[in-house]
């Protein structure tokens, strides 16, 4: 797995990747500038998890973690991350999916792929 450089986190680029992903996927925003949709999640780190669950994205400035997953099966915050911040992860929009890369003391290096269904 390629090692993301957390020093190179670009919050503006992360917002752009998130917005491009939502627009490309045809995901609707509600009046509160939030999105909810079902997706296949692939979480890769020391622990690998593949799960289908609901994803919540918020474009509000007051959100601490604008991307989060509903807990399901092994997609549990005890074992993996289920919330992601634009200031500590790298967000990419590639091949129709949102990718989130980072490193944390909890799971080490991680890569998440979100593919809407």
Protein backbone atom coordinates (compact mmCIF):
# COMPACT_ATOMS: atom_id res chain seq x y z
CA UNK A 1 0.00 0.00 0.00
CA UNK A 2 1.40 3.40 -0.90
CA UNK A 3 2.15 5.54 2.11
CA UNK A 4 0.13 8.77 2.14
CA UNK A 5 2.04 11.84 3.26
CA UNK A 6 -0.17 13.44 5.88
CA UNK A 7 1.96 16.61 5.61
CA UNK A 8 0.65 16.91 2.05
CA UNK A 9 -3.03 16.92 3.03
CA UNK A 10 -4.73 19.60 0.93
CA UNK A 11 -8.12 20.39 2.44
CA UNK A 12 -9.30 22.29 -0.67
CA UNK A 13 -8.35 19.34 -2.91
CA UNK A 14 -10.18 17.00 -0.50
CA UNK A 15 -13.37 19.12 -0.73
CA UNK A 16 -13.05 19.11 -4.53
CA UNK A 17 -12.63 15.31 -4.66
CA UNK A 18 -15.66 14.89 -2.41
CA UNK A 19 -17.81 17.25 -4.50
CA UNK A 20 -16.72 15.62 -7.78
CA UNK A 21 -17.54 12.17 -6.39
CA UNK A 22 -21.04 13.24 -5.31
CA UNK A 23 -21.75 14.99 -8.62
CA UNK A 24 -20.41 12.12 -10.76
CA UNK A 25 -22.39 9.54 -8.76
CA UNK A 26 -25.64 11.52 -9.02
CA UNK A 27 -26.05 11.60 -5.25
CA UNK A 28 -28.57 14.20 -4.08
CA UNK A 29 -27.88 16.70 -1.31
CA UNK A 30 -30.68 17.54 1.11
CA UNK A 31 -31.53 21.07 2.29
CA UNK A 32 -28.91 20.76 5.02
CA UNK A 33 -26.22 20.12 2.39
CA UNK A 34 -25.93 16.46 3.44
CA UNK A 35 -26.00 13.23 1.45
CA UNK A 36 -26.98 9.70 2.47
CA UNK A 37 -26.57 6.67 0.20
CA UNK A 38 -25.84 2.95 0.19
CA UNK A 39 -22.34 1.91 -0.87
CA UNK A 40 -19.87 -0.92 -0.91
CA UNK A 41 -17.00 -0.11 1.45
CA UNK A 42 -13.53 -1.60 1.19
CA UNK A 43 -11.31 -0.80 4.19
CA UNK A 44 -7.69 -1.94 3.91
CA UNK A 45 -5.18 -1.75 6.76
CA UNK A 46 -3.87 -4.33 9.23
CA UNK A 47 -7.53 -5.39 9.24
CA UNK A 48 -9.42 -5.78 5.96
CA UNK A 49 -13.16 -5.20 5.89
CA UNK A 50 -15.61 -5.34 2.98
CA UNK A 51 -19.14 -4.29 3.83
CA UNK A 52 -22.23 -2.71 2.29
CA UNK A 53 -23.62 0.08 4.44
CA UNK A 54 -25.01 3.62 4.46
CA UNK A 55 -22.57 6.48 3.91
CA UNK A 56 -23.17 10.00 5.23
CA UNK A 57 -21.44 12.99 3.64
CA UNK A 58 -21.85 16.55 4.83
CA UNK A 59 -20.76 19.69 3.02
CA UNK A 60 -21.42 21.86 6.08
CA UNK A 61 -18.43 23.78 7.45
CA UNK A 62 -19.34 22.91 11.05
CA UNK A 63 -18.91 19.13 10.59
CA UNK A 64 -15.81 17.67 12.23
CA UNK A 65 -15.95 14.45 10.19
CA UNK A 66 -17.74 15.13 6.90
CA UNK A 67 -17.62 11.47 5.82
CA UNK A 68 -18.86 8.65 8.04
CA UNK A 69 -20.29 5.15 7.74
CA UNK A 70 -23.13 3.48 9.54
CA UNK A 71 -21.71 0.65 11.67
CA UNK A 72 -22.37 -2.78 10.21
CA UNK A 73 -20.67 -6.13 10.72
CA UNK A 74 -16.90 -5.69 10.93
CA UNK A 75 -17.27 -2.06 9.91
CA UNK A 76 -17.13 -1.11 13.56
CA UNK A 77 -15.24 1.84 15.13
CA UNK A 78 -13.70 -0.52 17.67
CA UNK A 79 -11.69 -2.14 14.84
CA UNK A 80 -11.55 0.36 11.94
CA UNK A 81 -12.23 4.02 11.27
CA UNK A 82 -15.83 4.89 10.38
CA UNK A 83 -15.36 8.69 10.29
CA UNK A 84 -12.91 10.72 8.23
CA UNK A 85 -11.69 14.30 8.47
CA UNK A 86 -10.60 16.44 5.54
CA UNK A 87 -7.68 17.73 7.60
CA UNK A 88 -6.05 14.37 8.37
CA UNK A 89 -6.78 12.11 5.39
CA UNK A 90 -6.24 12.34 1.65
CA UNK A 91 -9.42 12.15 -0.44
CA UNK A 92 -9.28 11.14 -4.10
CA UNK A 93 -11.96 10.65 -6.70
CA UNK A 94 -10.81 7.96 -9.16
CA UNK A 95 -12.55 5.41 -11.35
CA UNK A 96 -16.02 6.35 -10.08
CA UNK A 97 -15.17 5.78 -6.43
CA UNK A 98 -14.08 7.90 -3.49
CA UNK A 99 -10.77 6.84 -1.99
CA UNK A 100 -9.59 7.92 1.44
CA UNK A 101 -5.99 7.35 2.49
CA UNK A 102 -4.24 8.01 5.75
CA UNK A 103 -2.25 6.76 8.70
CA UNK A 104 -3.37 6.54 12.29
CA UNK A 105 -2.09 5.03 15.55
CA UNK A 106 -5.21 2.86 15.71
CA UNK A 107 -4.92 1.00 12.37
CA UNK A 108 -1.62 2.15 10.82
CA UNK A 109 -1.83 2.92 7.10
CA UNK A 110 -5.32 2.64 5.64
CA UNK A 111 -7.07 2.94 2.31
CA UNK A 112 -10.82 3.13 2.02
CA UNK A 113 -12.82 2.78 -1.20
CA UNK A 114 -16.43 3.92 -1.37
CA UNK A 115 -18.46 2.70 -4.35
CA UNK A 116 -22.14 3.76 -4.49
CA UNK A 117 -24.64 1.04 -5.38
